[in-house]
């Protein structure tokens, strides 16, 4: 489950930035996960709960993870038809050509976090 290492890296990045900004605790982390990003949101959430339970870094039992799921969307460069692809390389359902680009669905990134001082 590579989501454990992904969540570990997310926590590391957020922790470093939070400390630079004077936060000692993080209340919420928002992550965007695209349908075609090869990241399983449920597994990512499970990894988060495991790290949160361990009390690692600047997380505590009240820290929340908000996963924003990004839908996959593609556009045919030939006929300009927009559709929901099943894979990164997609066949246009209208003209049946493989001349499509992904408009969304591959994203995996930290969108934001909320932090606070201990006091």
C-alpha atoms as a PDB file:
ATOM      1  CA  UNK A   1       0.000   0.000   0.000  1.00  0.00           C
ATOM      2  CA  UNK A   2       1.954   3.017  -1.250  1.00  0.00           C
ATOM      3  CA  UNK A   3      -0.602   5.326   0.382  1.00  0.00           C
ATOM      4  CA  UNK A   4       1.256   4.884   3.696  1.00  0.00           C
ATOM      5  CA  UNK A   5       4.407   6.410   2.211  1.00  0.00           C
ATOM      6  CA  UNK A   6       2.373   9.099   0.435  1.00  0.00           C
ATOM      7  CA  UNK A   7       0.632  10.072   3.673  1.00  0.00           C
ATOM      8  CA  UNK A   8       3.949  10.047   5.509  1.00  0.00           C
ATOM      9  CA  UNK A   9       5.322  12.510   2.955  1.00  0.00           C
ATOM     10  CA  UNK A  10       2.187  14.689   3.171  1.00  0.00           C
ATOM     11  CA  UNK A  11       2.542  14.887   6.938  1.00  0.00           C
ATOM     12  CA  UNK A  12       6.246  15.705   6.621  1.00  0.00           C
ATOM     13  CA  UNK A  13       5.607  18.520   4.112  1.00  0.00           C
ATOM     14  CA  UNK A  14       2.727  19.987   6.119  1.00  0.00           C
ATOM     15  CA  UNK A  15       4.681  19.715   9.381  1.00  0.00           C
ATOM     16  CA  UNK A  16       7.708  21.527   7.978  1.00  0.00           C
ATOM     17  CA  UNK A  17       5.594  24.320   6.503  1.00  0.00           C
ATOM     18  CA  UNK A  18       3.446  24.627   9.623  1.00  0.00           C
ATOM     19  CA  UNK A  19       6.501  25.024  11.844  1.00  0.00           C
ATOM     20  CA  UNK A  20       7.910  27.686   9.498  1.00  0.00           C
ATOM     21  CA  UNK A  21       4.624  29.546   9.925  1.00  0.00           C
ATOM     22  CA  UNK A  22       4.651  29.231  13.724  1.00  0.00           C
ATOM     23  CA  UNK A  23       2.049  26.494  14.082  1.00  0.00           C
ATOM     24  CA  UNK A  24       2.528  23.748  16.617  1.00  0.00           C
ATOM     25  CA  UNK A  25      -0.569  21.758  15.654  1.00  0.00           C
ATOM     26  CA  UNK A  26      -2.448  21.091  12.433  1.00  0.00           C
ATOM     27  CA  UNK A  27      -6.236  20.980  12.617  1.00  0.00           C
ATOM     28  CA  UNK A  28      -7.044  20.043   9.035  1.00  0.00           C
ATOM     29  CA  UNK A  29      -5.275  18.869   5.884  1.00  0.00           C
ATOM     30  CA  UNK A  30      -6.930  19.077   2.473  1.00  0.00           C
ATOM     31  CA  UNK A  31      -5.651  16.839  -0.309  1.00  0.00           C
ATOM     32  CA  UNK A  32      -6.841  16.634  -3.916  1.00  0.00           C
ATOM     33  CA  UNK A  33      -6.936  13.096  -5.313  1.00  0.00           C
ATOM     34  CA  UNK A  34      -7.765  12.603  -8.977  1.00  0.00           C
ATOM     35  CA  UNK A  35      -9.643   9.541 -10.201  1.00  0.00           C
ATOM     36  CA  UNK A  36      -6.727   8.656 -12.471  1.00  0.00           C
ATOM     37  CA  UNK A  37      -3.935   9.511 -10.010  1.00  0.00           C
ATOM     38  CA  UNK A  38      -3.339   5.889  -8.924  1.00  0.00           C
ATOM     39  CA  UNK A  39      -3.992   6.921  -5.318  1.00  0.00           C
ATOM     40  CA  UNK A  40      -6.798   5.195  -3.432  1.00  0.00           C
ATOM     41  CA  UNK A  41      -8.605   7.778  -1.280  1.00  0.00           C
ATOM     42  CA  UNK A  42      -9.826   5.179   1.228  1.00  0.00           C
ATOM     43  CA  UNK A  43      -6.327   3.757   1.689  1.00  0.00           C
ATOM     44  CA  UNK A  44      -4.926   7.281   2.049  1.00  0.00           C
ATOM     45  CA  UNK A  45      -7.500   8.003   4.739  1.00  0.00           C
ATOM     46  CA  UNK A  46      -6.668   4.754   6.539  1.00  0.00           C
ATOM     47  CA  UNK A  47      -2.973   5.702   6.509  1.00  0.00           C
ATOM     48  CA  UNK A  48      -3.850   9.145   7.885  1.00  0.00           C
ATOM     49  CA  UNK A  49      -5.840   7.635  10.773  1.00  0.00           C
ATOM     50  CA  UNK A  50      -2.931   5.354  11.607  1.00  0.00           C
ATOM     51  CA  UNK A  51      -0.445   8.252  11.735  1.00  0.00           C
ATOM     52  CA  UNK A  52      -2.911  10.404  13.660  1.00  0.00           C
ATOM     53  CA  UNK A  53      -3.431   7.653  16.238  1.00  0.00           C
ATOM     54  CA  UNK A  54       0.331   7.431  16.751  1.00  0.00           C
ATOM     55  CA  UNK A  55       0.390  11.142  17.584  1.00  0.00           C
ATOM     56  CA  UNK A  56       3.214  11.735  15.160  1.00  0.00           C
ATOM     57  CA  UNK A  57       4.520  15.156  14.359  1.00  0.00           C
ATOM     58  CA  UNK A  58       2.041  17.969  14.762  1.00  0.00           C
ATOM     59  CA  UNK A  59      -1.099  15.855  14.402  1.00  0.00           C
ATOM     60  CA  UNK A  60      -3.425  15.110  17.284  1.00  0.00           C
ATOM     61  CA  UNK A  61      -6.640  13.130  17.733  1.00  0.00           C
ATOM     62  CA  UNK A  62      -8.694  16.059  16.399  1.00  0.00           C
ATOM     63  CA  UNK A  63      -6.759  16.613  13.173  1.00  0.00           C
ATOM     64  CA  UNK A  64      -8.983  16.064  10.144  1.00  0.00           C
ATOM     65  CA  UNK A  65      -8.180  14.912   6.636  1.00  0.00           C
ATOM     66  CA  UNK A  66     -10.401  16.259   3.881  1.00  0.00           C
ATOM     67  CA  UNK A  67     -10.002  14.497   0.562  1.00  0.00           C
ATOM     68  CA  UNK A  68     -11.246  16.416  -2.455  1.00  0.00           C
ATOM     69  CA  UNK A  69     -11.944  13.924  -5.213  1.00  0.00           C
ATOM     70  CA  UNK A  70     -11.183  15.228  -8.675  1.00  0.00           C
ATOM     71  CA  UNK A  71     -13.269  13.742 -11.473  1.00  0.00           C
ATOM     72  CA  UNK A  72     -11.576  12.574 -14.642  1.00  0.00           C
ATOM     73  CA  UNK A  73     -12.348  14.566 -17.767  1.00  0.00           C
ATOM     74  CA  UNK A  74     -10.861  14.387 -21.260  1.00  0.00           C
ATOM     75  CA  UNK A  75     -11.261  16.275 -24.526  1.00  0.00           C
ATOM     76  CA  UNK A  76     -10.794  15.020 -28.043  1.00  0.00           C
ATOM     77  CA  UNK A  77      -8.394  17.224 -29.995  1.00  0.00           C
ATOM     78  CA  UNK A  78     -10.082  16.233 -33.260  1.00  0.00           C
ATOM     79  CA  UNK A  79     -13.827  16.648 -32.664  1.00  0.00           C
ATOM     80  CA  UNK A  80     -13.574  18.676 -29.387  1.00  0.00           C
ATOM     81  CA  UNK A  81     -15.911  16.273 -27.583  1.00  0.00           C
ATOM     82  CA  UNK A  82     -15.496  16.242 -23.784  1.00  0.00           C
ATOM     83  CA  UNK A  83     -16.055  13.005 -21.910  1.00  0.00           C
ATOM     84  CA  UNK A  84     -15.206  10.978 -18.799  1.00  0.00           C
ATOM     85  CA  UNK A  85     -12.289   8.649 -19.613  1.00  0.00           C
ATOM     86  CA  UNK A  86     -11.692   5.294 -17.980  1.00  0.00           C
ATOM     87  CA  UNK A  87      -7.921   5.500 -18.427  1.00  0.00           C
ATOM     88  CA  UNK A  88      -5.215   8.101 -19.046  1.00  0.00           C
ATOM     89  CA  UNK A  89      -5.028   7.116 -22.700  1.00  0.00           C
ATOM     90  CA  UNK A  90      -8.557   7.377 -23.992  1.00  0.00           C
ATOM     91  CA  UNK A  91     -10.394   6.638 -27.179  1.00  0.00           C
ATOM     92  CA  UNK A  92     -12.920   9.347 -28.056  1.00  0.00           C
ATOM     93  CA  UNK A  93     -16.398   7.826 -27.756  1.00  0.00           C
ATOM     94  CA  UNK A  94     -17.683  10.149 -30.483  1.00  0.00           C
ATOM     95  CA  UNK A  95     -15.109   9.977 -33.327  1.00  0.00           C
ATOM     96  CA  UNK A  96     -13.211   6.911 -32.010  1.00  0.00           C
ATOM     97  CA  UNK A  97      -9.778   8.487 -32.399  1.00  0.00           C
ATOM     98  CA  UNK A  98      -6.972   8.425 -29.847  1.00  0.00           C
ATOM     99  CA  UNK A  99      -6.288  12.132 -29.999  1.00  0.00           C
ATOM    100  CA  UNK A 100      -7.422  13.102 -26.526  1.00  0.00           C
ATOM    101  CA  UNK A 101      -5.942  15.100 -23.684  1.00  0.00           C
ATOM    102  CA  UNK A 102      -6.791  14.824 -20.025  1.00  0.00           C
ATOM    103  CA  UNK A 103      -8.318  17.980 -18.594  1.00  0.00           C
ATOM    104  CA  UNK A 104      -8.565  16.687 -15.032  1.00  0.00           C
ATOM    105  CA  UNK A 105      -8.288  13.576 -12.917  1.00  0.00           C
ATOM    106  CA  UNK A 106      -4.519  13.098 -12.538  1.00  0.00           C
ATOM    107  CA  UNK A 107      -4.008  15.532  -9.676  1.00  0.00           C
ATOM    108  CA  UNK A 108      -2.514  14.478  -6.370  1.00  0.00           C
ATOM    109  CA  UNK A 109      -1.492  17.377  -4.163  1.00  0.00           C
ATOM    110  CA  UNK A 110      -1.848  19.081  -0.830  1.00  0.00           C
ATOM    111  CA  UNK A 111      -4.410  21.814  -1.406  1.00  0.00           C
ATOM    112  CA  UNK A 112      -4.305  23.490   2.020  1.00  0.00           C
ATOM    113  CA  UNK A 113      -3.967  22.983   5.731  1.00  0.00           C
ATOM    114  CA  UNK A 114      -5.132  24.779   8.853  1.00  0.00           C
ATOM    115  CA  UNK A 115      -2.828  25.124  11.821  1.00  0.00           C
ATOM    116  CA  UNK A 116      -2.687  26.690  15.259  1.00  0.00           C
ATOM    117  CA  UNK A 117      -0.354  27.414  18.117  1.00  0.00           C
ATOM    118  CA  UNK A 118      -0.547  25.102  21.162  1.00  0.00           C
ATOM    119  CA  UNK A 119      -1.812  27.867  23.394  1.00  0.00           C
END
